[in-house]
Amino acid sequence: MVVFSDCAECKNFINDERRDTCKCKAFPEGIPPEWFLKGNPKEVRECNNGIGFEPDDERNKGYLKFTKR
């Protein structure tokens, strides 16, 4: 199963070489699985540590191009 999370569309998301964990500035030790899979970061003011969702327009250009095929 492939899961797309809003987290991957955020400026604060950290692309890491490790594939077994997802990190961001709000969750530097790793985004909790329940947040990554079921959270809705676009609709909350703060994800964690005073940091919230910020759309990453540059990253999303390629993502949107890929998903609109």
PDB file of N, CA and C in Angstrom:
ATOM      1  N   MET A   1       0.840  -1.170   0.000  1.00  0.00           N
ATOM      2  CA  MET A   1       0.000   0.000   0.000  1.00  0.00           C
ATOM      3  C   MET A   1       0.891   1.241   0.000  1.00  0.00           C
ATOM      4  N   VAL A   2       0.519   2.224  -0.761  1.00  0.00           N
ATOM      5  CA  VAL A   2       1.236   3.490  -0.818  1.00  0.00           C
ATOM      6  C   VAL A   2       0.413   4.531  -0.074  1.00  0.00           C
ATOM      7  N   VAL A   3       1.072   5.273   0.808  1.00  0.00           N
ATOM      8  CA  VAL A   3       0.388   6.300   1.586  1.00  0.00           C
ATOM      9  C   VAL A   3       1.027   7.642   1.274  1.00  0.00           C
ATOM     10  N   PHE A   4       0.208   8.623   0.939  1.00  0.00           N
ATOM     11  CA  PHE A   4       0.690   9.986   0.730  1.00  0.00           C
ATOM     12  C   PHE A   4       0.233  10.819   1.918  1.00  0.00           C
ATOM     13  N   SER A   5       1.155  11.427   2.596  1.00  0.00           N
ATOM     14  CA  SER A   5       0.845  12.252   3.756  1.00  0.00           C
ATOM     15  C   SER A   5       1.047  13.714   3.398  1.00  0.00           C
ATOM     16  N   ASP A   6       0.229  14.571   3.998  1.00  0.00           N
ATOM     17  CA  ASP A   6       0.413  16.009   3.814  1.00  0.00           C
ATOM     18  C   ASP A   6       1.807  16.437   4.258  1.00  0.00           C
ATOM     19  N   CYS A   7       2.393  15.695   5.169  1.00  0.00           N
ATOM     20  CA  CYS A   7       3.722  16.037   5.690  1.00  0.00           C
ATOM     21  C   CYS A   7       4.748  16.190   4.564  1.00  0.00           C
ATOM     22  N   ALA A   8       4.665  15.358   3.554  1.00  0.00           N
ATOM     23  CA  ALA A   8       5.631  15.386   2.455  1.00  0.00           C
ATOM     24  C   ALA A   8       5.511  16.653   1.615  1.00  0.00           C
ATOM     25  N   GLU A   9       4.423  17.405   1.773  1.00  0.00           N
ATOM     26  CA  GLU A   9       4.214  18.636   1.016  1.00  0.00           C
ATOM     27  C   GLU A   9       4.642  19.879   1.794  1.00  0.00           C
ATOM     28  N   CYS A  10       5.231  19.694   2.973  1.00  0.00           N
ATOM     29  CA  CYS A  10       5.553  20.798   3.874  1.00  0.00           C
ATOM     30  C   CYS A  10       7.019  21.222   3.758  1.00  0.00           C
ATOM     31  N   LYS A  11       7.269  22.525   3.906  1.00  0.00           N
ATOM     32  CA  LYS A  11       8.640  23.057   3.900  1.00  0.00           C
ATOM     33  C   LYS A  11       9.478  22.483   5.039  1.00  0.00           C
ATOM     34  N   ASN A  12       8.825  22.089   6.110  1.00  0.00           N
ATOM     35  CA  ASN A  12       9.541  21.612   7.291  1.00  0.00           C
ATOM     36  C   ASN A  12       9.891  20.128   7.236  1.00  0.00           C
ATOM     37  N   PHE A  13       9.421  19.424   6.213  1.00  0.00           N
ATOM     38  CA  PHE A  13       9.711  18.002   6.059  1.00  0.00           C
ATOM     39  C   PHE A  13      11.190  17.833   5.731  1.00  0.00           C
ATOM     40  N   ILE A  14      11.826  16.839   6.336  1.00  0.00           N
ATOM     41  CA  ILE A  14      13.257  16.592   6.127  1.00  0.00           C
ATOM     42  C   ILE A  14      13.417  15.312   5.319  1.00  0.00           C
ATOM     43  N   ASN A  15      13.957  15.454   4.115  1.00  0.00           N
ATOM     44  CA  ASN A  15      14.264  14.277   3.306  1.00  0.00           C
ATOM     45  C   ASN A  15      15.520  13.644   3.867  1.00  0.00           C
ATOM     46  N   ASP A  16      15.378  12.450   4.370  1.00  0.00           N
ATOM     47  CA  ASP A  16      16.468  11.742   5.023  1.00  0.00           C
ATOM     48  C   ASP A  16      16.830  10.526   4.186  1.00  0.00           C
ATOM     49  N   GLU A  17      18.060  10.101   4.256  1.00  0.00           N
ATOM     50  CA  GLU A  17      18.498   8.906   3.532  1.00  0.00           C
ATOM     51  C   GLU A  17      17.821   7.647   4.068  1.00  0.00           C
ATOM     52  N   ARG A  18      17.495   7.655   5.345  1.00  0.00           N
ATOM     53  CA  ARG A  18      16.848   6.484   5.949  1.00  0.00           C
ATOM     54  C   ARG A  18      15.402   6.414   5.486  1.00  0.00           C
ATOM     55  N   ARG A  19      14.989   5.272   5.046  1.00  0.00           N
ATOM     56  CA  ARG A  19      13.629   5.086   4.536  1.00  0.00           C
ATOM     57  C   ARG A  19      12.662   4.609   5.620  1.00  0.00           C
ATOM     58  N   ASP A  20      13.192   4.262   6.795  1.00  0.00           N
ATOM     59  CA  ASP A  20      12.327   3.700   7.833  1.00  0.00           C
ATOM     60  C   ASP A  20      11.744   4.741   8.783  1.00  0.00           C
ATOM     61  N   THR A  21      12.099   6.009   8.602  1.00  0.00           N
ATOM     62  CA  THR A  21      11.567   7.052   9.465  1.00  0.00           C
ATOM     63  C   THR A  21      11.384   8.345   8.678  1.00  0.00           C
ATOM     64  N   CYS A  22      10.393   9.117   9.052  1.00  0.00           N
ATOM     65  CA  CYS A  22      10.150  10.429   8.438  1.00  0.00           C
ATOM     66  C   CYS A  22      10.347  11.474   9.519  1.00  0.00           C
ATOM     67  N   LYS A  23      11.042  12.547   9.167  1.00  0.00           N
ATOM     68  CA  LYS A  23      11.344  13.598  10.128  1.00  0.00           C
ATOM     69  C   LYS A  23      10.922  14.949   9.578  1.00  0.00           C
ATOM     70  N   CYS A  24      10.771  15.893  10.490  1.00  0.00           N
ATOM     71  CA  CYS A  24      10.520  17.282  10.104  1.00  0.00           C
ATOM     72  C   CYS A  24      11.006  18.168  11.240  1.00  0.00           C
ATOM     73  N   LYS A  25      10.953  19.470  11.040  1.00  0.00           N
ATOM     74  CA  LYS A  25      11.404  20.384  12.083  1.00  0.00           C
ATOM     75  C   LYS A  25      10.528  20.288  13.328  1.00  0.00           C
ATOM     76  N   ALA A  26       9.256  19.955  13.156  1.00  0.00           N
ATOM     77  CA  ALA A  26       8.354  19.809  14.303  1.00  0.00           C
ATOM     78  C   ALA A  26       8.623  18.518  15.071  1.00  0.00           C
ATOM     79  N   PHE A  27       9.026  17.479  14.361  1.00  0.00           N
ATOM     80  CA  PHE A  27       9.318  16.174  14.956  1.00  0.00           C
ATOM     81  C   PHE A  27      10.710  15.717  14.503  1.00  0.00           C
ATOM     82  N   PRO A  28      11.784  16.340  15.041  1.00  0.00           N
ATOM     83  CA  PRO A  28      13.139  16.033  14.573  1.00  0.00           C
ATOM     84  C   PRO A  28      13.604  14.605  14.864  1.00  0.00           C
ATOM     85  N   GLU A  29      12.998  13.954  15.827  1.00  0.00           N
ATOM     86  CA  GLU A  29      13.363  12.569  16.142  1.00  0.00           C
ATOM     87  C   GLU A  29      12.525  11.571  15.347  1.00  0.00           C
ATOM     88  N   GLY A  30      11.587  12.061  14.576  1.00  0.00           N
ATOM     89  CA  GLY A  30      10.727  11.197  13.765  1.00  0.00           C
ATOM     90  C   GLY A  30       9.257  11.541  13.954  1.00  0.00           C
ATOM     91  N   ILE A  31       8.543  11.647  12.858  1.00  0.00           N
ATOM     92  CA  ILE A  31       7.109  11.930  12.911  1.00  0.00           C
ATOM     93  C   ILE A  31       6.407  10.675  13.426  1.00  0.00           C
ATOM     94  N   PRO A  32       5.606  10.807  14.484  1.00  0.00           N
ATOM     95  CA  PRO A  32       4.901   9.629  14.998  1.00  0.00           C
ATOM     96  C   PRO A  32       4.019   9.014  13.910  1.00  0.00           C
ATOM     97  N   PRO A  33       4.024   7.689  13.783  1.00  0.00           N
ATOM     98  CA  PRO A  33       3.242   7.039  12.723  1.00  0.00           C
ATOM     99  C   PRO A  33       1.777   7.449  12.722  1.00  0.00           C
ATOM    100  N   GLU A  34       1.175   7.582  13.913  1.00  0.00           N
ATOM    101  CA  GLU A  34      -0.242   7.955  13.948  1.00  0.00           C
ATOM    102  C   GLU A  34      -0.468   9.362  13.401  1.00  0.00           C
ATOM    103  N   TRP A  35       0.506  10.243  13.580  1.00  0.00           N
ATOM    104  CA  TRP A  35       0.399  11.600  13.039  1.00  0.00           C
ATOM    105  C   TRP A  35       0.619  11.572  11.524  1.00  0.00           C
ATOM    106  N   PHE A  36       1.632  10.851  11.090  1.00  0.00           N
ATOM    107  CA  PHE A  36       1.968  10.786   9.672  1.00  0.00           C
ATOM    108  C   PHE A  36       0.834  10.159   8.865  1.00  0.00           C
ATOM    109  N   LEU A  37       0.192   9.128   9.406  1.00  0.00           N
ATOM    110  CA  LEU A  37      -0.839   8.404   8.668  1.00  0.00           C
ATOM    111  C   LEU A  37      -2.239   8.976   8.843  1.00  0.00           C
ATOM    112  N   LYS A  38      -2.541   9.520  10.033  1.00  0.00           N
ATOM    113  CA  LYS A  38      -3.911   9.950  10.299  1.00  0.00           C
ATOM    114  C   LYS A  38      -4.048  11.417  10.652  1.00  0.00           C
ATOM    115  N   GLY A  39      -2.933  12.087  10.890  1.00  0.00           N
ATOM    116  CA  GLY A  39      -2.997  13.499  11.236  1.00  0.00           C
ATOM    117  C   GLY A  39      -3.396  14.316  10.017  1.00  0.00           C
ATOM    118  N   ASN A  40      -3.793  15.531  10.253  1.00  0.00           N
ATOM    119  CA  ASN A  40      -4.169  16.410   9.150  1.00  0.00           C
ATOM    120  C   ASN A  40      -3.446  17.740   9.336  1.00  0.00           C
ATOM    121  N   PRO A  41      -2.135  17.763   9.061  1.00  0.00           N
ATOM    122  CA  PRO A  41      -1.338  18.947   9.359  1.00  0.00           C
ATOM    123  C   PRO A  41      -1.792  20.219   8.657  1.00  0.00           C
ATOM    124  N   LYS A  42      -2.455  20.104   7.518  1.00  0.00           N
ATOM    125  CA  LYS A  42      -2.914  21.302   6.812  1.00  0.00           C
ATOM    126  C   LYS A  42      -4.025  22.022   7.569  1.00  0.00           C
ATOM    127  N   GLU A  43      -4.688  21.321   8.484  1.00  0.00           N
ATOM    128  CA  GLU A  43      -5.834  21.903   9.175  1.00  0.00           C
ATOM    129  C   GLU A  43      -5.564  22.277  10.629  1.00  0.00           C
ATOM    130  N   VAL A  44      -4.357  22.070  11.114  1.00  0.00           N
ATOM    131  CA  VAL A  44      -4.039  22.459  12.489  1.00  0.00           C
ATOM    132  C   VAL A  44      -3.054  23.617  12.471  1.00  0.00           C
ATOM    133  N   ARG A  45      -3.075  24.395  13.501  1.00  0.00           N
ATOM    134  CA  ARG A  45      -2.187  25.558  13.577  1.00  0.00           C
ATOM    135  C   ARG A  45      -0.750  25.139  13.887  1.00  0.00           C
ATOM    136  N   GLU A  46      -0.618  24.143  14.747  1.00  0.00           N
ATOM    137  CA  GLU A  46       0.712  23.703  15.171  1.00  0.00           C
ATOM    138  C   GLU A  46       0.776  22.179  15.172  1.00  0.00           C
ATOM    139  N   CYS A  47       1.826  21.647  14.584  1.00  0.00           N
ATOM    140  CA  CYS A  47       2.033  20.196  14.608  1.00  0.00           C
ATOM    141  C   CYS A  47       2.726  19.787  15.903  1.00  0.00           C
ATOM    142  N   ASN A  48       3.814  20.491  16.240  1.00  0.00           N
ATOM    143  CA  ASN A  48       4.592  20.187  17.441  1.00  0.00           C
ATOM    144  C   ASN A  48       5.655  21.271  17.606  1.00  0.00           C
ATOM    145  N   ASN A  49       6.064  21.530  18.830  1.00  0.00           N
ATOM    146  CA  ASN A  49       7.163  22.470  19.107  1.00  0.00           C
ATOM    147  C   ASN A  49       6.958  23.851  18.497  1.00  0.00           C
ATOM    148  N   GLY A  50       5.716  24.304  18.368  1.00  0.00           N
ATOM    149  CA  GLY A  50       5.438  25.626  17.808  1.00  0.00           C
ATOM    150  C   GLY A  50       5.581  25.703  16.300  1.00  0.00           C
ATOM    151  N   ILE A  51       5.761  24.578  15.649  1.00  0.00           N
ATOM    152  CA  ILE A  51       5.954  24.529  14.198  1.00  0.00           C
ATOM    153  C   ILE A  51       4.726  23.901  13.558  1.00  0.00           C
ATOM    154  N   GLY A  52       4.241  24.530  12.481  1.00  0.00           N
ATOM    155  CA  GLY A  52       3.062  24.025  11.782  1.00  0.00           C
ATOM    156  C   GLY A  52       3.338  23.791  10.311  1.00  0.00           C
ATOM    157  N   PHE A  53       2.298  23.372   9.618  1.00  0.00           N
ATOM    158  CA  PHE A  53       2.397  23.076   8.194  1.00  0.00           C
ATOM    159  C   PHE A  53       2.643  24.353   7.394  1.00  0.00           C
ATOM    160  N   GLU A  54       3.629  24.311   6.503  1.00  0.00           N
ATOM    161  CA  GLU A  54       3.908  25.392   5.555  1.00  0.00           C
ATOM    162  C   GLU A  54       4.083  24.749   4.188  1.00  0.00           C
ATOM    163  N   PRO A  55       3.226  25.067   3.224  1.00  0.00           N
ATOM    164  CA  PRO A  55       3.354  24.436   1.911  1.00  0.00           C
ATOM    165  C   PRO A  55       4.710  24.731   1.267  1.00  0.00           C
ATOM    166  N   ASP A  56       5.295  23.722   0.676  1.00  0.00           N
ATOM    167  CA  ASP A  56       6.567  23.857  -0.032  1.00  0.00           C
ATOM    168  C   ASP A  56       6.266  23.870  -1.525  1.00  0.00           C
ATOM    169  N   ASP A  57       6.119  25.052  -2.080  1.00  0.00           N
ATOM    170  CA  ASP A  57       5.715  25.187  -3.481  1.00  0.00           C
ATOM    171  C   ASP A  57       6.700  24.542  -4.442  1.00  0.00           C
ATOM    172  N   GLU A  58       7.987  24.635  -4.175  1.00  0.00           N
ATOM    173  CA  GLU A  58       8.985  24.030  -5.066  1.00  0.00           C
ATOM    174  C   GLU A  58       8.876  22.510  -5.073  1.00  0.00           C
ATOM    175  N   ARG A  59       8.788  21.925  -3.892  1.00  0.00           N
ATOM    176  CA  ARG A  59       8.674  20.470  -3.785  1.00  0.00           C
ATOM    177  C   ARG A  59       7.353  19.998  -4.386  1.00  0.00           C
ATOM    178  N   ASN A  60       6.297  20.755  -4.205  1.00  0.00           N
ATOM    179  CA  ASN A  60       4.973  20.335  -4.654  1.00  0.00           C
ATOM    180  C   ASN A  60       4.801  20.404  -6.163  1.00  0.00           C
ATOM    181  N   LYS A  61       5.613  21.192  -6.849  1.00  0.00           N
ATOM    182  CA  LYS A  61       5.523  21.237  -8.317  1.00  0.00           C
ATOM    183  C   LYS A  61       5.716  19.847  -8.906  1.00  0.00           C
ATOM    184  N   GLY A  62       6.757  19.153  -8.495  1.00  0.00           N
ATOM    185  CA  GLY A  62       7.028  17.803  -8.988  1.00  0.00           C
ATOM    186  C   GLY A  62       6.014  16.804  -8.487  1.00  0.00           C
ATOM    187  N   TYR A  63       5.581  16.963  -7.241  1.00  0.00           N
ATOM    188  CA  TYR A  63       4.606  16.048  -6.650  1.00  0.00           C
ATOM    189  C   TYR A  63       3.280  16.147  -7.394  1.00  0.00           C
ATOM    190  N   LEU A  64       2.821  17.352  -7.646  1.00  0.00           N
ATOM    191  CA  LEU A  64       1.546  17.526  -8.338  1.00  0.00           C
ATOM    192  C   LEU A  64       1.623  17.034  -9.776  1.00  0.00           C
ATOM    193  N   LYS A  65       2.764  17.246 -10.415  1.00  0.00           N
ATOM    194  CA  LYS A  65       2.947  16.758 -11.779  1.00  0.00           C
ATOM    195  C   LYS A  65       2.859  15.232 -11.809  1.00  0.00           C
ATOM    196  N   PHE A  66       3.462  14.577 -10.813  1.00  0.00           N
ATOM    197  CA  PHE A  66       3.457  13.118 -10.725  1.00  0.00           C
ATOM    198  C   PHE A  66       2.049  12.579 -10.478  1.00  0.00           C
ATOM    199  N   THR A  67       1.287  13.218  -9.593  1.00  0.00           N
ATOM    200  CA  THR A  67      -0.028  12.696  -9.212  1.00  0.00           C
ATOM    201  C   THR A  67      -1.113  12.988 -10.233  1.00  0.00           C
ATOM    202  N   LYS A  68      -0.884  13.890 -11.173  1.00  0.00           N
ATOM    203  CA  LYS A  68      -1.913  14.245 -12.157  1.00  0.00           C
ATOM    204  C   LYS A  68      -1.801  13.451 -13.444  1.00  0.00           C
ATOM    205  N   ARG A  69      -1.010  12.414 -13.465  1.00  0.00           N
ATOM    206  CA  ARG A  69      -0.861  11.595 -14.669  1.00  0.00           C
ATOM    207  C   ARG A  69      -2.072  10.774 -14.936  1.00  0.00           C
TER     208      ARG A  69
END
